[in-house]
Amino acid sequence: DGTIPRKNLAQVLLGIERMESTYGLRCANVFHAGDGNL
C-alpha cells in the first residue's frame, strides 16, 4: 500500500515490473488510480 503522484503511475508500474525479475516473484497490480494509491 503506497501512494504516488498520478503523473508517475506508468513509471512506477514499469519499476514494479523490473522488480518482478529481480526478486523472481509475480506481482498483480490493482489500485485506486484516481488518487495514486497502489
PDB file of all heavy atoms in Angstrom:
ATOM      1  N   ASP A   1       0.857  -1.185   0.000  1.00  0.00           N
ATOM      2  CA  ASP A   1       0.000   0.000   0.000  1.00  0.00           C
ATOM      3  C   ASP A   1       0.889   1.230   0.000  1.00  0.00           C
ATOM      4  O   ASP A   1       1.502   1.563   1.001  1.00  0.00           O
ATOM      5  CB  ASP A   1      -0.894  -0.022   1.245  1.00  0.00           C
ATOM      6  CG  ASP A   1      -1.523   1.329   1.548  1.00  0.00           C
ATOM      7  OD1 ASP A   1      -2.131   1.907   0.630  1.00  0.00           O
ATOM      8  OD2 ASP A   1      -1.407   1.791   2.697  1.00  0.00           O
ATOM      9  N   GLY A   2       1.006   1.869  -1.152  1.00  0.00           N
ATOM     10  CA  GLY A   2       1.774   3.107  -1.257  1.00  0.00           C
ATOM     11  C   GLY A   2       1.038   4.076  -2.158  1.00  0.00           C
ATOM     12  O   GLY A   2       0.170   3.673  -2.946  1.00  0.00           O
ATOM     13  N   THR A   3       1.360   5.360  -2.058  1.00  0.00           N
ATOM     14  CA  THR A   3       0.678   6.369  -2.866  1.00  0.00           C
ATOM     15  C   THR A   3       1.698   7.225  -3.600  1.00  0.00           C
ATOM     16  O   THR A   3       2.732   7.601  -3.030  1.00  0.00           O
ATOM     17  CB  THR A   3      -0.215   7.254  -1.976  1.00  0.00           C
ATOM     18  OG1 THR A   3      -1.154   6.426  -1.300  1.00  0.00           O
ATOM     19  CG2 THR A   3      -0.969   8.275  -2.802  1.00  0.00           C
ATOM     20  N   ILE A   4       1.387   7.515  -4.856  1.00  0.00           N
ATOM     21  CA  ILE A   4       2.315   8.276  -5.700  1.00  0.00           C
ATOM     22  C   ILE A   4       1.555   9.363  -6.456  1.00  0.00           C
ATOM     23  O   ILE A   4       0.333   9.292  -6.579  1.00  0.00           O
ATOM     24  CB  ILE A   4       3.029   7.361  -6.720  1.00  0.00           C
ATOM     25  CG1 ILE A   4       1.994   6.695  -7.645  1.00  0.00           C
ATOM     26  CG2 ILE A   4       3.879   6.323  -6.006  1.00  0.00           C
ATOM     27  CD1 ILE A   4       2.599   5.925  -8.787  1.00  0.00           C
ATOM     28  N   PRO A   5       2.262  10.380  -6.966  1.00  0.00           N
ATOM     29  CA  PRO A   5       1.609  11.341  -7.857  1.00  0.00           C
ATOM     30  C   PRO A   5       1.077  10.618  -9.097  1.00  0.00           C
ATOM     31  O   PRO A   5       1.754   9.747  -9.652  1.00  0.00           O
ATOM     32  CB  PRO A   5       2.734  12.317  -8.221  1.00  0.00           C
ATOM     33  CG  PRO A   5       3.743  12.179  -7.121  1.00  0.00           C
ATOM     34  CD  PRO A   5       3.673  10.742  -6.705  1.00  0.00           C
ATOM     35  N   ARG A   6      -0.114  10.998  -9.543  1.00  0.00           N
ATOM     36  CA  ARG A   6      -0.733  10.298 -10.680  1.00  0.00           C
ATOM     37  C   ARG A   6       0.151  10.323 -11.924  1.00  0.00           C
ATOM     38  O   ARG A   6       0.153   9.377 -12.706  1.00  0.00           O
ATOM     39  CB  ARG A   6      -2.092  10.926 -10.985  1.00  0.00           C
ATOM     40  CG  ARG A   6      -3.169  10.581  -9.983  1.00  0.00           C
ATOM     41  CD  ARG A   6      -4.488  11.208 -10.375  1.00  0.00           C
ATOM     42  NE  ARG A   6      -4.467  12.654 -10.210  1.00  0.00           N
ATOM     43  CZ  ARG A   6      -4.971  13.306  -9.167  1.00  0.00           C
ATOM     44  NH1 ARG A   6      -5.524  12.623  -8.181  1.00  0.00           N
ATOM     45  NH2 ARG A   6      -4.924  14.626  -9.099  1.00  0.00           N
ATOM     46  N   LYS A   7       0.915  11.401 -12.109  1.00  0.00           N
ATOM     47  CA  LYS A   7       1.742  11.513 -13.309  1.00  0.00           C
ATOM     48  C   LYS A   7       2.837  10.459 -13.358  1.00  0.00           C
ATOM     49  O   LYS A   7       3.423  10.214 -14.428  1.00  0.00           O
ATOM     50  CB  LYS A   7       2.365  12.900 -13.390  1.00  0.00           C
ATOM     51  CG  LYS A   7       3.350  13.201 -12.257  1.00  0.00           C
ATOM     52  CD  LYS A   7       3.926  14.602 -12.380  1.00  0.00           C
ATOM     53  CE  LYS A   7       4.916  14.888 -11.238  1.00  0.00           C
ATOM     54  NZ  LYS A   7       5.483  16.247 -11.329  1.00  0.00           N
ATOM     55  N   ASN A   8       3.125   9.818 -12.210  1.00  0.00           N
ATOM     56  CA  ASN A   8       4.192   8.829 -12.153  1.00  0.00           C
ATOM     57  C   ASN A   8       3.685   7.388 -12.166  1.00  0.00           C
ATOM     58  O   ASN A   8       4.460   6.452 -11.932  1.00  0.00           O
ATOM     59  CB  ASN A   8       5.052   9.042 -10.900  1.00  0.00           C
ATOM     60  CG  ASN A   8       5.759  10.381 -10.885  1.00  0.00           C
ATOM     61  OD1 ASN A   8       5.457  11.245 -10.068  1.00  0.00           O
ATOM     62  ND2 ASN A   8       6.709  10.549 -11.794  1.00  0.00           N
ATOM     63  N   LEU A   9       2.401   7.188 -12.426  1.00  0.00           N
ATOM     64  CA  LEU A   9       1.839   5.832 -12.416  1.00  0.00           C
ATOM     65  C   LEU A   9       2.592   4.901 -13.368  1.00  0.00           C
ATOM     66  O   LEU A   9       3.005   3.800 -12.986  1.00  0.00           O
ATOM     67  CB  LEU A   9       0.360   5.871 -12.798  1.00  0.00           C
ATOM     68  CG  LEU A   9      -0.639   6.204 -11.688  1.00  0.00           C
ATOM     69  CD1 LEU A   9      -2.027   6.401 -12.277  1.00  0.00           C
ATOM     70  CD2 LEU A   9      -0.663   5.088 -10.657  1.00  0.00           C
ATOM     71  N   ALA A  10       2.766   5.323 -14.601  1.00  0.00           N
ATOM     72  CA  ALA A  10       3.427   4.469 -15.590  1.00  0.00           C
ATOM     73  C   ALA A  10       4.858   4.157 -15.164  1.00  0.00           C
ATOM     74  O   ALA A  10       5.314   3.008 -15.256  1.00  0.00           O
ATOM     75  CB  ALA A  10       3.413   5.152 -16.952  1.00  0.00           C
ATOM     76  N   GLN A  11       5.566   5.165 -14.674  1.00  0.00           N
ATOM     77  CA  GLN A  11       6.962   4.975 -14.244  1.00  0.00           C
ATOM     78  C   GLN A  11       7.063   3.941 -13.135  1.00  0.00           C
ATOM     79  O   GLN A  11       7.927   3.049 -13.161  1.00  0.00           O
ATOM     80  CB  GLN A  11       7.532   6.316 -13.766  1.00  0.00           C
ATOM     81  CG  GLN A  11       8.934   6.226 -13.182  1.00  0.00           C
ATOM     82  CD  GLN A  11       9.391   7.548 -12.574  1.00  0.00           C
ATOM     83  OE1 GLN A  11       8.732   8.587 -12.740  1.00  0.00           O
ATOM     84  NE2 GLN A  11      10.501   7.516 -11.865  1.00  0.00           N
ATOM     85  N   VAL A  12       6.164   4.026 -12.155  1.00  0.00           N
ATOM     86  CA  VAL A  12       6.217   3.107 -11.019  1.00  0.00           C
ATOM     87  C   VAL A  12       5.796   1.696 -11.432  1.00  0.00           C
ATOM     88  O   VAL A  12       6.390   0.701 -11.004  1.00  0.00           O
ATOM     89  CB  VAL A  12       5.337   3.630  -9.863  1.00  0.00           C
ATOM     90  CG1 VAL A  12       5.203   2.585  -8.767  1.00  0.00           C
ATOM     91  CG2 VAL A  12       5.944   4.911  -9.303  1.00  0.00           C
ATOM     92  N   LEU A  13       4.787   1.583 -12.296  1.00  0.00           N
ATOM     93  CA  LEU A  13       4.367   0.265 -12.765  1.00  0.00           C
ATOM     94  C   LEU A  13       5.490  -0.435 -13.526  1.00  0.00           C
ATOM     95  O   LEU A  13       5.697  -1.646 -13.363  1.00  0.00           O
ATOM     96  CB  LEU A  13       3.123   0.394 -13.634  1.00  0.00           C
ATOM     97  CG  LEU A  13       1.833   0.714 -12.881  1.00  0.00           C
ATOM     98  CD1 LEU A  13       0.704   1.026 -13.861  1.00  0.00           C
ATOM     99  CD2 LEU A  13       1.434  -0.432 -11.971  1.00  0.00           C
ATOM    100  N   LEU A  14       6.242   0.309 -14.329  1.00  0.00           N
ATOM    101  CA  LEU A  14       7.385  -0.278 -15.025  1.00  0.00           C
ATOM    102  C   LEU A  14       8.475  -0.683 -14.026  1.00  0.00           C
ATOM    103  O   LEU A  14       9.140  -1.706 -14.191  1.00  0.00           O
ATOM    104  CB  LEU A  14       7.935   0.709 -16.051  1.00  0.00           C
ATOM    105  CG  LEU A  14       7.064   0.949 -17.286  1.00  0.00           C
ATOM    106  CD1 LEU A  14       7.673   2.039 -18.163  1.00  0.00           C
ATOM    107  CD2 LEU A  14       6.895  -0.338 -18.086  1.00  0.00           C
ATOM    108  N   GLY A  15       8.638   0.132 -12.981  1.00  0.00           N
ATOM    109  CA  GLY A  15       9.616  -0.208 -11.946  1.00  0.00           C
ATOM    110  C   GLY A  15       9.244  -1.496 -11.234  1.00  0.00           C
ATOM    111  O   GLY A  15      10.108  -2.346 -10.948  1.00  0.00           O
ATOM    112  N   ILE A  16       7.955  -1.670 -10.927  1.00  0.00           N
ATOM    113  CA  ILE A  16       7.490  -2.901 -10.283  1.00  0.00           C
ATOM    114  C   ILE A  16       7.707  -4.098 -11.196  1.00  0.00           C
ATOM    115  O   ILE A  16       8.094  -5.189 -10.747  1.00  0.00           O
ATOM    116  CB  ILE A  16       6.006  -2.764  -9.890  1.00  0.00           C
ATOM    117  CG1 ILE A  16       5.848  -1.732  -8.775  1.00  0.00           C
ATOM    118  CG2 ILE A  16       5.436  -4.111  -9.448  1.00  0.00           C
ATOM    119  CD1 ILE A  16       4.405  -1.413  -8.428  1.00  0.00           C
ATOM    120  N   GLU A  17       7.490  -3.892 -12.499  1.00  0.00           N
ATOM    121  CA  GLU A  17       7.708  -4.968 -13.476  1.00  0.00           C
ATOM    122  C   GLU A  17       9.165  -5.422 -13.453  1.00  0.00           C
ATOM    123  O   GLU A  17       9.460  -6.628 -13.510  1.00  0.00           O
ATOM    124  CB  GLU A  17       7.317  -4.461 -14.861  1.00  0.00           C
ATOM    125  CG  GLU A  17       7.218  -5.530 -15.926  1.00  0.00           C
ATOM    126  CD  GLU A  17       6.708  -4.965 -17.235  1.00  0.00           C
ATOM    127  OE1 GLU A  17       5.497  -4.679 -17.324  1.00  0.00           O
ATOM    128  OE2 GLU A  17       7.528  -4.801 -18.174  1.00  0.00           O
ATOM    129  N   ARG A  18      10.095  -4.475 -13.367  1.00  0.00           N
ATOM    130  CA  ARG A  18      11.522  -4.840 -13.294  1.00  0.00           C
ATOM    131  C   ARG A  18      11.828  -5.577 -12.002  1.00  0.00           C
ATOM    132  O   ARG A  18      12.637  -6.512 -11.980  1.00  0.00           O
ATOM    133  CB  ARG A  18      12.381  -3.581 -13.410  1.00  0.00           C
ATOM    134  CG  ARG A  18      12.392  -2.959 -14.811  1.00  0.00           C
ATOM    135  CD  ARG A  18      13.467  -1.891 -14.933  1.00  0.00           C
ATOM    136  NE  ARG A  18      13.184  -0.736 -14.085  1.00  0.00           N
ATOM    137  CZ  ARG A  18      12.470   0.320 -14.480  1.00  0.00           C
ATOM    138  NH1 ARG A  18      11.959   0.360 -15.699  1.00  0.00           N
ATOM    139  NH2 ARG A  18      12.269   1.334 -13.662  1.00  0.00           N
ATOM    140  N   MET A  19      11.174  -5.169 -10.892  1.00  0.00           N
ATOM    141  CA  MET A  19      11.411  -5.836  -9.608  1.00  0.00           C
ATOM    142  C   MET A  19      10.939  -7.288  -9.629  1.00  0.00           C
ATOM    143  O   MET A  19      11.496  -8.146  -8.930  1.00  0.00           O
ATOM    144  CB  MET A  19      10.697  -5.077  -8.485  1.00  0.00           C
ATOM    145  CG  MET A  19      11.274  -3.718  -8.177  1.00  0.00           C
ATOM    146  SD  MET A  19      10.317  -2.893  -6.877  1.00  0.00           S
ATOM    147  CE  MET A  19      10.795  -1.188  -7.141  1.00  0.00           C
ATOM    148  N   GLU A  20       9.901  -7.581 -10.429  1.00  0.00           N
ATOM    149  CA  GLU A  20       9.440  -8.970 -10.545  1.00  0.00           C
ATOM    150  C   GLU A  20      10.593  -9.866 -11.003  1.00  0.00           C
ATOM    151  O   GLU A  20      10.775 -10.979 -10.498  1.00  0.00           O
ATOM    152  CB  GLU A  20       8.276  -9.067 -11.527  1.00  0.00           C
ATOM    153  CG  GLU A  20       6.974  -8.493 -11.023  1.00  0.00           C
ATOM    154  CD  GLU A  20       5.826  -8.720 -12.000  1.00  0.00           C
ATOM    155  OE1 GLU A  20       5.639  -7.879 -12.898  1.00  0.00           O
ATOM    156  OE2 GLU A  20       5.139  -9.753 -11.864  1.00  0.00           O
ATOM    157  N   SER A  21      11.371  -9.387 -11.964  1.00  0.00           N
ATOM    158  CA  SER A  21      12.518 -10.157 -12.446  1.00  0.00           C
ATOM    159  C   SER A  21      13.609 -10.242 -11.387  1.00  0.00           C
ATOM    160  O   SER A  21      14.224 -11.285 -11.176  1.00  0.00           O
ATOM    161  CB  SER A  21      13.076  -9.527 -13.728  1.00  0.00           C
ATOM    162  OG  SER A  21      12.107  -9.523 -14.754  1.00  0.00           O
ATOM    163  N   THR A  22      13.831  -9.114 -10.700  1.00  0.00           N
ATOM    164  CA  THR A  22      14.873  -9.079  -9.673  1.00  0.00           C
ATOM    165  C   THR A  22      14.607 -10.088  -8.562  1.00  0.00           C
ATOM    166  O   THR A  22      15.521 -10.807  -8.121  1.00  0.00           O
ATOM    167  CB  THR A  22      14.976  -7.667  -9.064  1.00  0.00           C
ATOM    168  OG1 THR A  22      15.290  -6.725 -10.100  1.00  0.00           O
ATOM    169  CG2 THR A  22      16.037  -7.619  -7.975  1.00  0.00           C
ATOM    170  N   TYR A  23      13.369 -10.146  -8.099  1.00  0.00           N
ATOM    171  CA  TYR A  23      13.043 -10.998  -6.952  1.00  0.00           C
ATOM    172  C   TYR A  23      12.471 -12.351  -7.351  1.00  0.00           C
ATOM    173  O   TYR A  23      12.253 -13.210  -6.484  1.00  0.00           O
ATOM    174  CB  TYR A  23      12.057 -10.270  -6.032  1.00  0.00           C
ATOM    175  CG  TYR A  23      12.702  -9.124  -5.297  1.00  0.00           C
ATOM    176  CD1 TYR A  23      12.528  -7.807  -5.721  1.00  0.00           C
ATOM    177  CD2 TYR A  23      13.515  -9.348  -4.197  1.00  0.00           C
ATOM    178  CE1 TYR A  23      13.136  -6.751  -5.060  1.00  0.00           C
ATOM    179  CE2 TYR A  23      14.133  -8.302  -3.530  1.00  0.00           C
ATOM    180  CZ  TYR A  23      13.939  -7.009  -3.973  1.00  0.00           C
ATOM    181  OH  TYR A  23      14.556  -5.960  -3.315  1.00  0.00           O
ATOM    182  N   GLY A  24      12.218 -12.577  -8.636  1.00  0.00           N
ATOM    183  CA  GLY A  24      11.697 -13.867  -9.072  1.00  0.00           C
ATOM    184  C   GLY A  24      10.307 -14.157  -8.555  1.00  0.00           C
ATOM    185  O   GLY A  24       9.949 -15.316  -8.326  1.00  0.00           O
ATOM    186  N   LEU A  25       9.489 -13.092  -8.364  1.00  0.00           N
ATOM    187  CA  LEU A  25       8.127 -13.242  -7.860  1.00  0.00           C
ATOM    188  C   LEU A  25       7.167 -12.458  -8.750  1.00  0.00           C
ATOM    189  O   LEU A  25       7.518 -11.398  -9.274  1.00  0.00           O
ATOM    190  CB  LEU A  25       8.026 -12.721  -6.422  1.00  0.00           C
ATOM    191  CG  LEU A  25       8.856 -13.446  -5.362  1.00  0.00           C
ATOM    192  CD1 LEU A  25       8.797 -12.683  -4.043  1.00  0.00           C
ATOM    193  CD2 LEU A  25       8.380 -14.879  -5.163  1.00  0.00           C
ATOM    194  N   ARG A  26       5.959 -12.996  -8.915  1.00  0.00           N
ATOM    195  CA  ARG A  26       4.941 -12.274  -9.683  1.00  0.00           C
ATOM    196  C   ARG A  26       4.271 -11.210  -8.821  1.00  0.00           C
ATOM    197  O   ARG A  26       4.230 -11.324  -7.594  1.00  0.00           O
ATOM    198  CB  ARG A  26       3.874 -13.246 -10.190  1.00  0.00           C
ATOM    199  CG  ARG A  26       4.370 -14.245 -11.223  1.00  0.00           C
ATOM    200  CD  ARG A  26       3.254 -15.214 -11.582  1.00  0.00           C
ATOM    201  NE  ARG A  26       2.855 -16.011 -10.441  1.00  0.00           N
ATOM    202  CZ  ARG A  26       1.722 -16.710 -10.364  1.00  0.00           C
ATOM    203  NH1 ARG A  26       0.870 -16.673 -11.382  1.00  0.00           N
ATOM    204  NH2 ARG A  26       1.437 -17.434  -9.298  1.00  0.00           N
ATOM    205  N   CYS A  27       3.731 -10.194  -9.488  1.00  0.00           N
ATOM    206  CA  CYS A  27       3.032  -9.127  -8.777  1.00  0.00           C
ATOM    207  C   CYS A  27       1.802  -8.732  -9.573  1.00  0.00           C
ATOM    208  O   CYS A  27       1.900  -8.411 -10.768  1.00  0.00           O
ATOM    209  CB  CYS A  27       3.946  -7.916  -8.574  1.00  0.00           C
ATOM    210  SG  CYS A  27       3.197  -6.579  -7.618  1.00  0.00           S
ATOM    211  N   ALA A  28       0.647  -8.778  -8.931  1.00  0.00           N
ATOM    212  CA  ALA A  28      -0.605  -8.328  -9.545  1.00  0.00           C
ATOM    213  C   ALA A  28      -0.889  -6.916  -9.050  1.00  0.00           C
ATOM    214  O   ALA A  28      -0.924  -6.675  -7.838  1.00  0.00           O
ATOM    215  CB  ALA A  28      -1.745  -9.273  -9.169  1.00  0.00           C
ATOM    216  N   ASN A  29      -1.103  -5.993  -9.982  1.00  0.00           N
ATOM    217  CA  ASN A  29      -1.310  -4.593  -9.603  1.00  0.00           C
ATOM    218  C   ASN A  29      -2.781  -4.217  -9.694  1.00  0.00           C
ATOM    219  O   ASN A  29      -3.403  -4.340 -10.750  1.00  0.00           O
ATOM    220  CB  ASN A  29      -0.482  -3.676 -10.508  1.00  0.00           C
ATOM    221  CG  ASN A  29       0.999  -3.812 -10.250  1.00  0.00           C
ATOM    222  OD1 ASN A  29       1.484  -3.404  -9.198  1.00  0.00           O
ATOM    223  ND2 ASN A  29       1.722  -4.401 -11.183  1.00  0.00           N
ATOM    224  N   VAL A  30      -3.322  -3.759  -8.579  1.00  0.00           N
ATOM    225  CA  VAL A  30      -4.696  -3.292  -8.512  1.00  0.00           C
ATOM    226  C   VAL A  30      -4.701  -2.104  -7.566  1.00  0.00           C
ATOM    227  O   VAL A  30      -4.144  -2.177  -6.481  1.00  0.00           O
ATOM    228  CB  VAL A  30      -5.647  -4.415  -8.029  1.00  0.00           C
ATOM    229  CG1 VAL A  30      -5.152  -5.063  -6.757  1.00  0.00           C
ATOM    230  CG2 VAL A  30      -7.050  -3.901  -7.839  1.00  0.00           C
ATOM    231  N   PHE A  31      -5.316  -0.983  -8.002  1.00  0.00           N
ATOM    232  CA  PHE A  31      -5.155   0.192  -7.151  1.00  0.00           C
ATOM    233  C   PHE A  31      -6.172   1.282  -7.467  1.00  0.00           C
ATOM    234  O   PHE A  31      -6.844   1.269  -8.497  1.00  0.00           O
ATOM    235  CB  PHE A  31      -3.738   0.756  -7.266  1.00  0.00           C
ATOM    236  CG  PHE A  31      -3.234   0.914  -8.667  1.00  0.00           C
ATOM    237  CD1 PHE A  31      -3.421   2.094  -9.353  1.00  0.00           C
ATOM    238  CD2 PHE A  31      -2.555  -0.114  -9.290  1.00  0.00           C
ATOM    239  CE1 PHE A  31      -2.942   2.256 -10.646  1.00  0.00           C
ATOM    240  CE2 PHE A  31      -2.074   0.038 -10.589  1.00  0.00           C
ATOM    241  CZ  PHE A  31      -2.270   1.220 -11.268  1.00  0.00           C
ATOM    242  N   HIS A  32      -6.253   2.212  -6.519  1.00  0.00           N
ATOM    243  CA  HIS A  32      -7.089   3.399  -6.670  1.00  0.00           C
ATOM    244  C   HIS A  32      -6.323   4.389  -7.540  1.00  0.00           C
ATOM    245  O   HIS A  32      -5.621   5.268  -7.043  1.00  0.00           O
ATOM    246  CB  HIS A  32      -7.399   4.011  -5.298  1.00  0.00           C
ATOM    247  CG  HIS A  32      -7.958   3.044  -4.300  1.00  0.00           C
ATOM    248  ND1 HIS A  32      -9.007   2.207  -4.590  1.00  0.00           N
ATOM    249  CD2 HIS A  32      -7.628   2.782  -3.017  1.00  0.00           C
ATOM    250  CE1 HIS A  32      -9.298   1.476  -3.522  1.00  0.00           C
ATOM    251  NE2 HIS A  32      -8.473   1.803  -2.562  1.00  0.00           N
ATOM    252  N   ALA A  33      -6.469   4.235  -8.840  1.00  0.00           N
ATOM    253  CA  ALA A  33      -5.645   5.015  -9.768  1.00  0.00           C
ATOM    254  C   ALA A  33      -5.913   6.506  -9.649  1.00  0.00           C
ATOM    255  O   ALA A  33      -5.009   7.321  -9.822  1.00  0.00           O
ATOM    256  CB  ALA A  33      -5.900   4.544 -11.198  1.00  0.00           C
ATOM    257  N   GLY A  34      -7.156   6.879  -9.341  1.00  0.00           N
ATOM    258  CA  GLY A  34      -7.514   8.288  -9.310  1.00  0.00           C
ATOM    259  C   GLY A  34      -6.722   9.100  -8.308  1.00  0.00           C
ATOM    260  O   GLY A  34      -6.410  10.266  -8.550  1.00  0.00           O
ATOM    261  N   ASP A  35      -6.390   8.500  -7.161  1.00  0.00           N
ATOM    262  CA  ASP A  35      -5.594   9.231  -6.169  1.00  0.00           C
ATOM    263  C   ASP A  35      -4.201   8.638  -6.016  1.00  0.00           C
ATOM    264  O   ASP A  35      -3.478   8.952  -5.065  1.00  0.00           O
ATOM    265  CB  ASP A  35      -6.313   9.294  -4.818  1.00  0.00           C
ATOM    266  CG  ASP A  35      -6.497   7.931  -4.175  1.00  0.00           C
ATOM    267  OD1 ASP A  35      -6.375   6.916  -4.885  1.00  0.00           O
ATOM    268  OD2 ASP A  35      -6.771   7.873  -2.956  1.00  0.00           O
ATOM    269  N   GLY A  36      -3.801   7.778  -6.959  1.00  0.00           N
ATOM    270  CA  GLY A  36      -2.432   7.255  -6.966  1.00  0.00           C
ATOM    271  C   GLY A  36      -2.127   6.263  -5.875  1.00  0.00           C
ATOM    272  O   GLY A  36      -0.956   6.016  -5.572  1.00  0.00           O
ATOM    273  N   ASN A  37      -3.149   5.635  -5.290  1.00  0.00           N
ATOM    274  CA  ASN A  37      -2.950   4.688  -4.191  1.00  0.00           C
ATOM    275  C   ASN A  37      -2.786   3.276  -4.752  1.00  0.00           C
ATOM    276  O   ASN A  37      -3.736   2.659  -5.215  1.00  0.00           O
ATOM    277  CB  ASN A  37      -4.135   4.760  -3.237  1.00  0.00           C
ATOM    278  CG  ASN A  37      -3.963   3.911  -1.980  1.00  0.00           C
ATOM    279  OD1 ASN A  37      -4.925   3.624  -1.294  1.00  0.00           O
ATOM    280  ND2 ASN A  37      -2.750   3.487  -1.675  1.00  0.00           N
ATOM    281  N   LEU A  38      -1.540   2.775  -4.727  1.00  0.00           N
ATOM    282  CA  LEU A  38      -1.209   1.470  -5.292  1.00  0.00           C
ATOM    283  C   LEU A  38      -1.449   0.349  -4.293  1.00  0.00           C
ATOM    284  O   LEU A  38      -1.175   0.494  -3.100  1.00  0.00           O
ATOM    285  CB  LEU A  38       0.267   1.434  -5.702  1.00  0.00           C
ATOM    286  CG  LEU A  38       0.807   2.559  -6.582  1.00  0.00           C
ATOM    287  CD1 LEU A  38       2.300   2.359  -6.783  1.00  0.00           C
ATOM    288  CD2 LEU A  38       0.091   2.596  -7.906  1.00  0.00           C
TER     289      LEU A  38
END
